[in-house]
N, C-alpha and C. Protein backbone atom coordinates (compact mmCIF):
# COMPACT_ATOMS: atom_id res chain seq x y z
N MET A 1 -17.59 -22.78 -16.44
CA MET A 1 -17.06 -22.11 -15.25
C MET A 1 -17.83 -22.58 -14.01
N THR A 2 -17.11 -22.73 -12.90
CA THR A 2 -17.74 -23.14 -11.66
C THR A 2 -18.84 -22.17 -11.26
N ASP A 3 -19.89 -22.71 -10.66
CA ASP A 3 -20.97 -21.86 -10.14
C ASP A 3 -20.41 -21.06 -8.96
N LEU A 4 -20.15 -19.78 -9.19
CA LEU A 4 -19.51 -18.97 -8.15
C LEU A 4 -20.41 -18.77 -6.94
N THR A 5 -21.71 -18.90 -7.12
CA THR A 5 -22.62 -18.69 -5.99
C THR A 5 -22.47 -19.77 -4.94
N SER A 6 -21.85 -20.88 -5.30
CA SER A 6 -21.68 -21.98 -4.34
C SER A 6 -20.34 -21.92 -3.61
N LEU A 7 -19.50 -20.97 -3.98
CA LEU A 7 -18.17 -20.88 -3.38
C LEU A 7 -18.20 -19.97 -2.16
N ARG A 8 -17.90 -20.51 -1.00
CA ARG A 8 -17.85 -19.70 0.21
C ARG A 8 -17.13 -20.48 1.30
N ILE A 9 -16.56 -19.74 2.24
CA ILE A 9 -15.99 -20.35 3.42
C ILE A 9 -16.55 -19.61 4.63
N SER A 10 -16.48 -20.24 5.77
CA SER A 10 -16.92 -19.61 7.01
C SER A 10 -15.68 -19.22 7.80
N TYR A 11 -15.65 -17.97 8.28
CA TYR A 11 -14.49 -17.48 9.02
C TYR A 11 -14.65 -17.82 10.49
N THR A 12 -13.73 -18.61 10.99
CA THR A 12 -13.87 -19.11 12.37
C THR A 12 -12.60 -18.95 13.19
N ARG A 13 -11.60 -18.30 12.63
CA ARG A 13 -10.28 -18.30 13.27
C ARG A 13 -10.23 -17.47 14.55
N ASP A 14 -10.92 -16.31 14.57
CA ASP A 14 -10.72 -15.39 15.68
C ASP A 14 -11.93 -14.49 15.82
N ALA A 15 -11.90 -13.63 16.86
CA ALA A 15 -12.92 -12.62 17.09
C ALA A 15 -12.22 -11.31 17.43
N LEU A 16 -12.94 -10.21 17.30
CA LEU A 16 -12.39 -8.89 17.64
C LEU A 16 -13.43 -8.17 18.50
N ARG A 17 -13.03 -7.85 19.72
CA ARG A 17 -13.91 -7.16 20.65
C ARG A 17 -13.35 -5.78 20.97
N ARG A 18 -14.20 -4.92 21.43
CA ARG A 18 -13.76 -3.56 21.76
C ARG A 18 -12.60 -3.60 22.76
N THR A 19 -12.66 -4.51 23.70
CA THR A 19 -11.60 -4.59 24.71
C THR A 19 -10.26 -5.07 24.14
N ASP A 20 -10.30 -5.64 22.92
CA ASP A 20 -9.06 -6.08 22.28
C ASP A 20 -8.30 -4.92 21.64
N LEU A 21 -9.00 -3.81 21.41
CA LEU A 21 -8.45 -2.72 20.60
C LEU A 21 -7.55 -1.80 21.41
N ASN A 22 -6.44 -1.40 20.80
CA ASN A 22 -5.60 -0.36 21.38
C ASN A 22 -6.24 0.99 21.09
N PRO A 23 -6.20 1.93 22.02
CA PRO A 23 -6.78 3.26 21.76
C PRO A 23 -6.15 3.97 20.56
N ASP A 24 -4.90 3.60 20.25
CA ASP A 24 -4.18 4.21 19.13
C ASP A 24 -4.23 3.28 17.93
N PRO A 25 -4.82 3.69 16.80
CA PRO A 25 -4.95 2.77 15.66
C PRO A 25 -3.61 2.36 15.05
N LEU A 26 -2.61 3.23 15.12
CA LEU A 26 -1.31 2.85 14.57
C LEU A 26 -0.72 1.69 15.37
N THR A 27 -0.85 1.74 16.69
CA THR A 27 -0.38 0.64 17.53
C THR A 27 -1.18 -0.63 17.23
N GLN A 28 -2.49 -0.48 17.04
CA GLN A 28 -3.33 -1.62 16.68
C GLN A 28 -2.89 -2.22 15.34
N PHE A 29 -2.61 -1.36 14.37
CA PHE A 29 -2.16 -1.83 13.06
C PHE A 29 -0.82 -2.56 13.18
N LYS A 30 0.11 -1.98 13.93
CA LYS A 30 1.42 -2.62 14.05
C LYS A 30 1.30 -3.99 14.71
N GLY A 31 0.39 -4.14 15.67
CA GLY A 31 0.18 -5.43 16.29
C GLY A 31 -0.32 -6.46 15.30
N TRP A 32 -1.29 -6.07 14.48
CA TRP A 32 -1.80 -7.00 13.46
C TRP A 32 -0.75 -7.27 12.40
N PHE A 33 0.02 -6.25 12.02
CA PHE A 33 1.07 -6.45 11.02
C PHE A 33 2.12 -7.42 11.55
N ASP A 34 2.51 -7.25 12.81
CA ASP A 34 3.49 -8.16 13.41
C ASP A 34 2.94 -9.59 13.41
N ALA A 35 1.65 -9.75 13.69
CA ALA A 35 1.05 -11.09 13.68
C ALA A 35 1.11 -11.70 12.29
N ALA A 36 0.90 -10.88 11.26
CA ALA A 36 0.97 -11.37 9.88
C ALA A 36 2.39 -11.80 9.53
N GLN A 37 3.38 -11.04 10.01
CA GLN A 37 4.77 -11.44 9.78
C GLN A 37 5.12 -12.73 10.52
N GLN A 38 4.69 -12.83 11.77
CA GLN A 38 4.99 -14.02 12.56
C GLN A 38 4.33 -15.26 11.98
N ALA A 39 3.19 -15.07 11.32
CA ALA A 39 2.52 -16.19 10.65
C ALA A 39 3.18 -16.54 9.33
N GLU A 40 4.21 -15.78 8.96
CA GLU A 40 4.98 -16.00 7.73
C GLU A 40 4.08 -15.95 6.50
N LEU A 41 3.18 -14.98 6.48
CA LEU A 41 2.35 -14.77 5.30
C LEU A 41 3.19 -14.20 4.17
N PRO A 42 2.89 -14.53 2.94
CA PRO A 42 3.65 -13.97 1.81
C PRO A 42 3.36 -12.48 1.65
N GLU A 43 4.39 -11.68 1.69
CA GLU A 43 4.29 -10.23 1.50
C GLU A 43 3.15 -9.59 2.31
N PRO A 44 3.21 -9.66 3.64
CA PRO A 44 2.16 -9.01 4.43
C PRO A 44 2.15 -7.50 4.28
N TYR A 45 3.23 -6.95 3.72
CA TYR A 45 3.36 -5.50 3.49
C TYR A 45 2.74 -5.08 2.15
N ALA A 46 2.22 -6.03 1.38
CA ALA A 46 1.54 -5.68 0.12
C ALA A 46 0.15 -5.14 0.44
N LEU A 47 -0.26 -4.11 -0.28
CA LEU A 47 -1.55 -3.48 -0.05
C LEU A 47 -2.16 -3.04 -1.36
N SER A 48 -3.48 -2.95 -1.36
CA SER A 48 -4.19 -2.39 -2.52
C SER A 48 -4.34 -0.90 -2.31
N LEU A 49 -3.92 -0.13 -3.29
CA LEU A 49 -3.99 1.33 -3.24
C LEU A 49 -5.07 1.81 -4.19
N ALA A 50 -6.09 2.46 -3.65
CA ALA A 50 -7.19 2.99 -4.46
C ALA A 50 -7.05 4.50 -4.58
N THR A 51 -7.12 4.98 -5.82
CA THR A 51 -7.08 6.42 -6.10
C THR A 51 -8.21 6.75 -7.06
N ALA A 52 -8.41 8.04 -7.30
CA ALA A 52 -9.38 8.48 -8.29
C ALA A 52 -8.83 9.72 -8.97
N ASP A 53 -9.14 9.87 -10.26
CA ASP A 53 -8.67 11.05 -10.99
C ASP A 53 -9.60 12.23 -10.73
N ALA A 54 -9.35 13.35 -11.40
CA ALA A 54 -10.12 14.56 -11.16
C ALA A 54 -11.60 14.38 -11.51
N SER A 55 -11.91 13.46 -12.42
CA SER A 55 -13.30 13.22 -12.80
C SER A 55 -14.00 12.24 -11.87
N GLY A 56 -13.23 11.61 -10.97
CA GLY A 56 -13.79 10.63 -10.06
C GLY A 56 -13.62 9.19 -10.50
N ARG A 57 -12.99 8.96 -11.67
CA ARG A 57 -12.78 7.58 -12.11
C ARG A 57 -11.83 6.86 -11.16
N PRO A 58 -12.24 5.74 -10.56
CA PRO A 58 -11.38 5.05 -9.60
C PRO A 58 -10.36 4.15 -10.29
N SER A 59 -9.30 3.84 -9.56
CA SER A 59 -8.28 2.92 -10.03
C SER A 59 -7.65 2.27 -8.81
N VAL A 60 -7.27 1.01 -8.94
CA VAL A 60 -6.68 0.30 -7.81
C VAL A 60 -5.56 -0.59 -8.31
N ARG A 61 -4.52 -0.74 -7.48
CA ARG A 61 -3.39 -1.59 -7.83
C ARG A 61 -2.67 -1.98 -6.53
N THR A 62 -1.74 -2.90 -6.63
CA THR A 62 -0.99 -3.34 -5.45
C THR A 62 0.35 -2.62 -5.39
N VAL A 63 0.66 -2.09 -4.21
CA VAL A 63 1.97 -1.49 -3.96
C VAL A 63 2.48 -2.08 -2.63
N LEU A 64 3.70 -1.69 -2.25
CA LEU A 64 4.31 -2.24 -1.04
C LEU A 64 4.49 -1.15 0.02
N LEU A 65 4.05 -1.45 1.23
CA LEU A 65 4.24 -0.53 2.35
C LEU A 65 5.72 -0.46 2.69
N ARG A 66 6.24 0.77 2.82
CA ARG A 66 7.65 0.95 3.13
C ARG A 66 7.88 1.80 4.37
N GLY A 67 6.82 2.11 5.09
CA GLY A 67 6.96 2.84 6.34
C GLY A 67 5.61 3.00 7.00
N ALA A 68 5.58 2.89 8.34
CA ALA A 68 4.35 3.09 9.10
C ALA A 68 4.74 3.69 10.44
N ASP A 69 4.45 4.97 10.62
CA ASP A 69 4.76 5.64 11.88
C ASP A 69 3.74 6.74 12.11
N GLU A 70 3.98 7.58 13.11
CA GLU A 70 3.00 8.60 13.46
C GLU A 70 2.78 9.62 12.35
N ARG A 71 3.68 9.67 11.37
CA ARG A 71 3.49 10.59 10.24
C ARG A 71 2.52 10.02 9.22
N GLY A 72 2.42 8.70 9.13
CA GLY A 72 1.51 8.09 8.16
C GLY A 72 2.08 6.81 7.58
N LEU A 73 1.46 6.35 6.48
CA LEU A 73 1.84 5.12 5.78
C LEU A 73 2.51 5.50 4.47
N THR A 74 3.67 4.92 4.20
CA THR A 74 4.51 5.36 3.09
C THR A 74 4.72 4.26 2.05
N PHE A 75 4.67 4.64 0.78
CA PHE A 75 5.03 3.75 -0.32
C PHE A 75 5.77 4.57 -1.37
N TYR A 76 6.39 3.88 -2.33
CA TYR A 76 7.21 4.54 -3.35
C TYR A 76 6.75 4.12 -4.74
N THR A 77 6.89 5.05 -5.70
CA THR A 77 6.44 4.77 -7.06
C THR A 77 6.97 5.83 -8.01
N ASN A 78 6.58 5.69 -9.27
CA ASN A 78 6.90 6.66 -10.32
C ASN A 78 5.83 7.76 -10.31
N PHE A 79 6.27 9.01 -10.21
CA PHE A 79 5.32 10.12 -10.18
C PHE A 79 4.54 10.27 -11.49
N GLU A 80 5.09 9.74 -12.58
CA GLU A 80 4.43 9.86 -13.88
C GLU A 80 3.55 8.65 -14.20
N SER A 81 3.38 7.76 -13.24
CA SER A 81 2.52 6.60 -13.43
C SER A 81 1.05 7.00 -13.38
N HIS A 82 0.18 6.04 -13.66
CA HIS A 82 -1.27 6.29 -13.56
C HIS A 82 -1.62 6.79 -12.17
N LYS A 83 -1.10 6.10 -11.13
CA LYS A 83 -1.40 6.51 -9.76
C LYS A 83 -0.84 7.89 -9.46
N GLY A 84 0.34 8.18 -10.01
CA GLY A 84 0.94 9.49 -9.79
C GLY A 84 0.10 10.62 -10.35
N HIS A 85 -0.46 10.41 -11.55
CA HIS A 85 -1.34 11.44 -12.15
C HIS A 85 -2.62 11.57 -11.33
N ASP A 86 -3.17 10.44 -10.88
CA ASP A 86 -4.36 10.51 -10.03
C ASP A 86 -4.08 11.34 -8.78
N LEU A 87 -2.97 11.06 -8.13
CA LEU A 87 -2.67 11.72 -6.86
C LEU A 87 -2.32 13.19 -7.03
N ALA A 88 -1.80 13.56 -8.20
CA ALA A 88 -1.54 14.97 -8.46
C ALA A 88 -2.85 15.75 -8.58
N ALA A 89 -3.87 15.10 -9.17
CA ALA A 89 -5.16 15.76 -9.37
C ALA A 89 -6.07 15.64 -8.16
N ASN A 90 -5.91 14.58 -7.39
CA ASN A 90 -6.83 14.27 -6.29
C ASN A 90 -6.02 13.62 -5.16
N PRO A 91 -5.36 14.43 -4.33
CA PRO A 91 -4.38 13.91 -3.37
C PRO A 91 -5.00 13.27 -2.13
N GLN A 92 -5.73 12.20 -2.34
CA GLN A 92 -6.26 11.38 -1.26
C GLN A 92 -6.31 9.94 -1.76
N ALA A 93 -6.28 9.01 -0.82
CA ALA A 93 -6.21 7.60 -1.21
C ALA A 93 -6.75 6.73 -0.09
N GLU A 94 -7.09 5.50 -0.46
CA GLU A 94 -7.45 4.49 0.53
C GLU A 94 -6.57 3.28 0.31
N LEU A 95 -6.11 2.69 1.42
CA LEU A 95 -5.24 1.53 1.38
C LEU A 95 -5.99 0.35 2.00
N LEU A 96 -5.77 -0.83 1.44
CA LEU A 96 -6.40 -2.04 1.97
C LEU A 96 -5.35 -3.13 2.12
N PHE A 97 -5.21 -3.64 3.33
CA PHE A 97 -4.39 -4.81 3.61
C PHE A 97 -5.34 -5.98 3.80
N TYR A 98 -5.08 -7.09 3.12
CA TYR A 98 -5.91 -8.29 3.26
C TYR A 98 -5.01 -9.46 3.58
N TRP A 99 -5.17 -9.98 4.80
CA TRP A 99 -4.40 -11.13 5.25
C TRP A 99 -5.35 -12.31 5.36
N ALA A 100 -5.53 -13.02 4.24
CA ALA A 100 -6.55 -14.06 4.15
C ALA A 100 -6.36 -15.16 5.18
N GLU A 101 -5.11 -15.55 5.41
CA GLU A 101 -4.86 -16.65 6.33
C GLU A 101 -5.28 -16.31 7.77
N LEU A 102 -5.27 -15.04 8.10
CA LEU A 102 -5.69 -14.59 9.43
C LEU A 102 -7.14 -14.10 9.44
N GLU A 103 -7.78 -14.13 8.26
CA GLU A 103 -9.17 -13.68 8.10
C GLU A 103 -9.32 -12.24 8.61
N ARG A 104 -8.37 -11.39 8.18
CA ARG A 104 -8.33 -10.00 8.64
C ARG A 104 -8.13 -9.05 7.47
N GLN A 105 -8.72 -7.87 7.61
CA GLN A 105 -8.50 -6.76 6.70
C GLN A 105 -8.27 -5.49 7.52
N VAL A 106 -7.47 -4.59 6.96
CA VAL A 106 -7.32 -3.25 7.51
C VAL A 106 -7.47 -2.26 6.37
N ARG A 107 -8.33 -1.26 6.57
CA ARG A 107 -8.48 -0.15 5.63
C ARG A 107 -7.95 1.12 6.27
N ALA A 108 -7.32 1.97 5.47
CA ALA A 108 -6.82 3.26 5.96
C ALA A 108 -7.06 4.30 4.89
N TYR A 109 -7.72 5.39 5.28
CA TYR A 109 -8.04 6.47 4.34
C TYR A 109 -7.40 7.77 4.82
N GLY A 110 -6.93 8.58 3.86
CA GLY A 110 -6.42 9.88 4.24
C GLY A 110 -5.89 10.69 3.08
N SER A 111 -5.40 11.86 3.41
CA SER A 111 -4.78 12.73 2.41
C SER A 111 -3.37 12.25 2.15
N ILE A 112 -2.79 12.67 1.04
CA ILE A 112 -1.50 12.12 0.62
C ILE A 112 -0.59 13.23 0.13
N ALA A 113 0.70 13.08 0.39
CA ALA A 113 1.70 14.05 -0.07
C ALA A 113 3.01 13.32 -0.31
N ARG A 114 3.86 13.93 -1.12
CA ARG A 114 5.17 13.32 -1.38
C ARG A 114 6.07 13.43 -0.15
N VAL A 115 6.94 12.43 0.02
CA VAL A 115 7.92 12.49 1.10
C VAL A 115 9.07 13.40 0.65
N PRO A 116 9.85 13.94 1.59
CA PRO A 116 10.99 14.79 1.22
C PRO A 116 11.99 14.05 0.34
N ASP A 117 12.66 14.79 -0.53
CA ASP A 117 13.63 14.19 -1.46
C ASP A 117 14.72 13.41 -0.72
N ALA A 118 15.19 13.95 0.39
CA ALA A 118 16.28 13.28 1.12
C ALA A 118 15.83 11.91 1.62
N GLU A 119 14.58 11.81 2.05
CA GLU A 119 14.04 10.53 2.51
C GLU A 119 13.90 9.55 1.35
N ALA A 120 13.45 10.05 0.21
CA ALA A 120 13.34 9.20 -0.98
C ALA A 120 14.72 8.73 -1.44
N ASP A 121 15.72 9.61 -1.37
CA ASP A 121 17.09 9.21 -1.73
C ASP A 121 17.57 8.07 -0.85
N ASP A 122 17.34 8.20 0.45
CA ASP A 122 17.82 7.17 1.39
C ASP A 122 17.19 5.82 1.06
N TYR A 123 15.88 5.82 0.80
CA TYR A 123 15.23 4.54 0.50
C TYR A 123 15.69 3.99 -0.84
N PHE A 124 15.80 4.86 -1.86
CA PHE A 124 16.18 4.39 -3.19
C PHE A 124 17.51 3.65 -3.14
N HIS A 125 18.44 4.13 -2.34
CA HIS A 125 19.79 3.55 -2.36
C HIS A 125 19.94 2.33 -1.47
N VAL A 126 18.87 1.94 -0.75
CA VAL A 126 18.92 0.64 -0.07
C VAL A 126 18.20 -0.44 -0.89
N ARG A 127 17.59 -0.05 -2.00
CA ARG A 127 16.95 -1.04 -2.87
C ARG A 127 18.03 -1.85 -3.59
N PRO A 128 17.73 -3.08 -4.02
CA PRO A 128 18.68 -3.82 -4.85
C PRO A 128 19.06 -3.01 -6.10
N ARG A 129 20.28 -3.17 -6.53
CA ARG A 129 20.78 -2.37 -7.65
C ARG A 129 19.89 -2.53 -8.89
N ASP A 130 19.47 -3.76 -9.20
CA ASP A 130 18.64 -3.95 -10.38
C ASP A 130 17.27 -3.28 -10.22
N SER A 131 16.79 -3.17 -9.00
CA SER A 131 15.53 -2.46 -8.77
C SER A 131 15.73 -0.96 -9.01
N GLN A 132 16.89 -0.45 -8.65
CA GLN A 132 17.20 0.95 -8.93
C GLN A 132 17.20 1.19 -10.45
N LEU A 133 17.84 0.28 -11.18
CA LEU A 133 17.87 0.42 -12.64
C LEU A 133 16.48 0.27 -13.24
N ALA A 134 15.67 -0.61 -12.67
CA ALA A 134 14.31 -0.81 -13.18
C ALA A 134 13.46 0.43 -13.02
N ALA A 135 13.73 1.22 -11.96
CA ALA A 135 12.99 2.47 -11.79
C ALA A 135 13.24 3.41 -12.97
N HIS A 136 14.47 3.42 -13.47
CA HIS A 136 14.79 4.21 -14.66
C HIS A 136 14.16 3.59 -15.91
N ALA A 137 14.23 2.26 -16.01
CA ALA A 137 13.78 1.58 -17.23
C ALA A 137 12.29 1.70 -17.44
N SER A 138 11.52 1.78 -16.37
CA SER A 138 10.06 1.74 -16.52
C SER A 138 9.44 3.12 -16.69
N ASP A 139 10.23 4.09 -17.06
CA ASP A 139 9.69 5.44 -17.29
C ASP A 139 9.34 5.64 -18.75
N PRO A 140 8.17 6.19 -19.05
CA PRO A 140 7.11 6.56 -18.12
C PRO A 140 6.26 5.34 -17.73
N GLN A 141 6.17 5.08 -16.44
CA GLN A 141 5.41 3.93 -15.96
C GLN A 141 3.95 4.03 -16.39
N SER A 142 3.35 2.92 -16.72
CA SER A 142 1.95 2.79 -17.18
C SER A 142 1.76 3.17 -18.64
N ALA A 143 2.82 3.66 -19.31
CA ALA A 143 2.71 4.02 -20.72
C ALA A 143 2.86 2.77 -21.59
N PRO A 144 2.27 2.75 -22.80
CA PRO A 144 2.42 1.60 -23.69
C PRO A 144 3.88 1.43 -24.14
N ILE A 145 4.28 0.18 -24.37
CA ILE A 145 5.58 -0.14 -24.96
C ILE A 145 5.35 -1.26 -25.96
N GLU A 146 6.11 -1.27 -27.05
CA GLU A 146 5.79 -2.16 -28.17
C GLU A 146 5.90 -3.63 -27.84
N ASN A 147 6.90 -4.03 -27.03
CA ASN A 147 7.05 -5.45 -26.70
C ASN A 147 8.02 -5.62 -25.54
N ARG A 148 8.14 -6.85 -25.06
CA ARG A 148 9.04 -7.15 -23.95
C ARG A 148 10.49 -6.89 -24.32
N GLU A 149 10.84 -7.17 -25.59
CA GLU A 149 12.21 -6.98 -26.03
C GLU A 149 12.65 -5.52 -25.89
N ALA A 150 11.75 -4.60 -26.18
CA ALA A 150 12.08 -3.18 -26.06
C ALA A 150 12.35 -2.81 -24.61
N LEU A 151 11.56 -3.39 -23.70
CA LEU A 151 11.77 -3.12 -22.28
C LEU A 151 13.11 -3.70 -21.82
N GLU A 152 13.41 -4.92 -22.24
CA GLU A 152 14.69 -5.54 -21.86
C GLU A 152 15.87 -4.76 -22.42
N ALA A 153 15.71 -4.19 -23.62
CA ALA A 153 16.78 -3.39 -24.22
C ALA A 153 17.04 -2.13 -23.40
N LYS A 154 15.98 -1.50 -22.90
CA LYS A 154 16.16 -0.33 -22.04
C LYS A 154 16.92 -0.71 -20.77
N PHE A 155 16.58 -1.85 -20.22
CA PHE A 155 17.22 -2.31 -18.99
C PHE A 155 18.70 -2.60 -19.24
N ALA A 156 19.00 -3.27 -20.36
CA ALA A 156 20.39 -3.58 -20.70
C ALA A 156 21.21 -2.31 -20.92
N ALA A 157 20.60 -1.31 -21.57
CA ALA A 157 21.30 -0.05 -21.80
C ALA A 157 21.63 0.66 -20.49
N LEU A 158 20.76 0.52 -19.52
CA LEU A 158 21.01 1.14 -18.22
C LEU A 158 22.15 0.45 -17.48
N HIS A 159 22.30 -0.87 -17.67
CA HIS A 159 23.42 -1.58 -17.08
C HIS A 159 24.74 -1.06 -17.66
N GLU A 160 24.74 -0.70 -18.92
CA GLU A 160 25.94 -0.14 -19.54
C GLU A 160 26.16 1.31 -19.09
N ARG A 161 25.10 2.05 -18.94
CA ARG A 161 25.20 3.46 -18.53
C ARG A 161 25.69 3.59 -17.09
N PHE A 162 25.25 2.66 -16.24
CA PHE A 162 25.66 2.68 -14.83
C PHE A 162 26.33 1.34 -14.51
N PRO A 163 27.60 1.18 -14.87
CA PRO A 163 28.28 -0.11 -14.63
C PRO A 163 28.43 -0.38 -13.14
N GLU A 164 28.67 -1.65 -12.82
CA GLU A 164 28.82 -2.08 -11.44
C GLU A 164 29.87 -1.22 -10.74
N GLY A 165 29.55 -0.75 -9.53
CA GLY A 165 30.46 0.11 -8.78
C GLY A 165 30.14 1.58 -8.91
N GLN A 166 29.36 1.95 -9.92
CA GLN A 166 28.95 3.35 -10.09
C GLN A 166 27.57 3.55 -9.48
N PRO A 167 27.39 4.54 -8.61
CA PRO A 167 26.08 4.75 -8.00
C PRO A 167 25.00 5.03 -9.04
N VAL A 168 23.81 4.55 -8.77
CA VAL A 168 22.65 4.84 -9.63
C VAL A 168 21.87 5.97 -8.98
N PRO A 169 21.75 7.11 -9.63
CA PRO A 169 21.02 8.22 -9.01
C PRO A 169 19.51 7.96 -9.00
N ARG A 170 18.85 8.46 -7.97
CA ARG A 170 17.38 8.37 -7.96
C ARG A 170 16.84 9.31 -9.03
N PRO A 171 16.00 8.79 -9.94
CA PRO A 171 15.44 9.68 -10.97
C PRO A 171 14.46 10.68 -10.36
N ASP A 172 14.39 11.86 -10.95
CA ASP A 172 13.51 12.91 -10.44
C ASP A 172 12.05 12.50 -10.46
N PHE A 173 11.69 11.58 -11.36
CA PHE A 173 10.29 11.19 -11.50
C PHE A 173 9.89 10.06 -10.55
N TRP A 174 10.77 9.68 -9.65
CA TRP A 174 10.50 8.54 -8.76
C TRP A 174 10.69 8.98 -7.31
N GLY A 175 9.76 8.59 -6.44
CA GLY A 175 9.88 8.95 -5.04
C GLY A 175 8.76 8.37 -4.21
N GLY A 176 8.57 8.96 -3.04
CA GLY A 176 7.62 8.39 -2.09
C GLY A 176 6.39 9.24 -1.88
N TYR A 177 5.33 8.57 -1.42
CA TYR A 177 4.10 9.23 -0.98
C TYR A 177 3.81 8.77 0.44
N ARG A 178 3.23 9.68 1.21
CA ARG A 178 2.83 9.32 2.57
C ARG A 178 1.37 9.68 2.78
N VAL A 179 0.59 8.71 3.25
CA VAL A 179 -0.82 8.91 3.56
C VAL A 179 -0.95 9.31 5.02
N THR A 180 -1.49 10.49 5.27
CA THR A 180 -1.82 10.91 6.62
C THR A 180 -3.20 10.35 6.94
N VAL A 181 -3.24 9.32 7.75
CA VAL A 181 -4.48 8.55 7.93
C VAL A 181 -5.47 9.33 8.81
N GLN A 182 -6.68 9.49 8.28
CA GLN A 182 -7.76 10.16 9.00
C GLN A 182 -8.83 9.17 9.47
N GLU A 183 -8.80 7.97 8.88
CA GLU A 183 -9.79 6.96 9.25
C GLU A 183 -9.19 5.58 9.03
N TRP A 184 -9.33 4.72 10.05
CA TRP A 184 -8.90 3.34 9.98
C TRP A 184 -10.11 2.43 10.17
N GLU A 185 -10.05 1.24 9.59
CA GLU A 185 -11.05 0.21 9.89
C GLU A 185 -10.35 -1.13 10.03
N PHE A 186 -10.68 -1.84 11.11
CA PHE A 186 -10.15 -3.18 11.37
C PHE A 186 -11.29 -4.18 11.26
N TRP A 187 -11.08 -5.20 10.44
CA TRP A 187 -12.11 -6.19 10.11
C TRP A 187 -11.61 -7.57 10.45
N GLN A 188 -12.40 -8.29 11.23
CA GLN A 188 -12.09 -9.68 11.55
C GLN A 188 -13.24 -10.55 11.07
N GLY A 189 -12.95 -11.51 10.20
CA GLY A 189 -13.99 -12.40 9.70
C GLY A 189 -14.58 -13.24 10.81
N ARG A 190 -15.92 -13.46 10.74
CA ARG A 190 -16.62 -14.26 11.74
C ARG A 190 -17.59 -15.19 11.02
N PRO A 191 -18.06 -16.24 11.69
CA PRO A 191 -19.01 -17.16 11.05
C PRO A 191 -20.30 -16.46 10.62
N ASN A 192 -20.91 -17.00 9.58
CA ASN A 192 -22.23 -16.53 9.11
C ASN A 192 -22.23 -15.08 8.65
N ARG A 193 -21.06 -14.59 8.24
CA ARG A 193 -20.90 -13.22 7.76
C ARG A 193 -21.23 -12.18 8.85
N MET A 194 -21.19 -12.60 10.11
CA MET A 194 -21.40 -11.69 11.23
C MET A 194 -20.05 -11.14 11.69
N HIS A 195 -19.38 -10.45 10.77
CA HIS A 195 -18.00 -10.02 10.99
C HIS A 195 -17.90 -8.93 12.05
N ASP A 196 -16.71 -8.86 12.66
CA ASP A 196 -16.40 -7.77 13.59
C ASP A 196 -15.70 -6.65 12.81
N ARG A 197 -16.24 -5.44 12.92
CA ARG A 197 -15.65 -4.29 12.25
C ARG A 197 -15.60 -3.11 13.22
N PHE A 198 -14.45 -2.47 13.29
CA PHE A 198 -14.31 -1.28 14.13
C PHE A 198 -13.64 -0.18 13.31
N ARG A 199 -14.20 1.01 13.46
CA ARG A 199 -13.68 2.18 12.73
C ARG A 199 -13.11 3.19 13.73
N TYR A 200 -11.91 3.66 13.43
CA TYR A 200 -11.29 4.76 14.17
C TYR A 200 -11.40 6.02 13.30
N THR A 201 -11.96 7.09 13.85
CA THR A 201 -12.08 8.36 13.15
C THR A 201 -11.37 9.44 13.95
N ARG A 202 -10.56 10.21 13.27
CA ARG A 202 -9.80 11.26 13.94
C ARG A 202 -10.74 12.29 14.56
N GLN A 203 -10.51 12.60 15.83
CA GLN A 203 -11.26 13.64 16.53
C GLN A 203 -10.29 14.45 17.37
N GLY A 204 -9.96 15.64 16.87
CA GLY A 204 -8.98 16.46 17.56
C GLY A 204 -7.64 15.76 17.63
N GLU A 205 -7.12 15.60 18.85
CA GLU A 205 -5.83 14.93 19.04
C GLU A 205 -6.01 13.43 19.28
N GLY A 206 -7.26 12.98 19.34
CA GLY A 206 -7.50 11.57 19.63
C GLY A 206 -8.31 10.89 18.55
N TRP A 207 -8.90 9.73 18.91
CA TRP A 207 -9.64 8.91 17.96
C TRP A 207 -10.95 8.45 18.58
N GLN A 208 -12.01 8.53 17.78
CA GLN A 208 -13.29 7.93 18.16
C GLN A 208 -13.34 6.52 17.59
N ILE A 209 -13.76 5.56 18.41
CA ILE A 209 -13.85 4.17 17.98
C ILE A 209 -15.31 3.76 17.97
N GLU A 210 -15.74 3.20 16.84
CA GLU A 210 -17.12 2.75 16.70
C GLU A 210 -17.14 1.34 16.12
N ARG A 211 -18.04 0.48 16.65
CA ARG A 211 -18.29 -0.80 16.01
C ARG A 211 -19.23 -0.55 14.83
N LEU A 212 -18.96 -1.19 13.70
CA LEU A 212 -19.78 -1.06 12.50
C LEU A 212 -20.59 -2.34 12.25
N MET A 213 -21.73 -2.19 11.63
CA MET A 213 -22.50 -3.36 11.20
C MET A 213 -21.67 -4.15 10.19
N PRO A 214 -21.77 -5.49 10.21
CA PRO A 214 -20.97 -6.29 9.27
C PRO A 214 -21.46 -6.13 7.83
């Protein structure tokens, strides 16, 4: 195996100064997100979602951002999945966006709650039809299954159960979560590991902004 201690790059693409920051972290996030889209990065809406169960055991996985507004950051999943059980026991989470090509990261921490059923219905029915069927097929998500053939058989059976032209109902065990962000961090890589980091912390109706040590 390659000597990992010798692997490193120097971040030289950009800098982040206090004067660059928008007073509102959501506006700052949307600006960086738009830049990631304009750079045509693959899946800039993909994020790492960190949760912990009631005992404190952490878990992390990749999910897709499906909404970002003043209410919070939204994603969708199976409520009976590993993450769903974590969030039922410990309804808080941290999200991490990493845009390597821009040498940028964004972290967002906050409490979490399910989105209303009507909102989940609306999103479910704009998904591709096979993705709707896959939501049914993968229940219970994160549970063991004997082999790939068994999974494909479940998927095929759902195609027969809901033939083309028949609406696929959103399953009760599938829906959305929204993180009400209480803390944001914006990270810009810099040479010599002297990175720029700024943290926004909720204070009343506004936000306190602090530069952090790299």
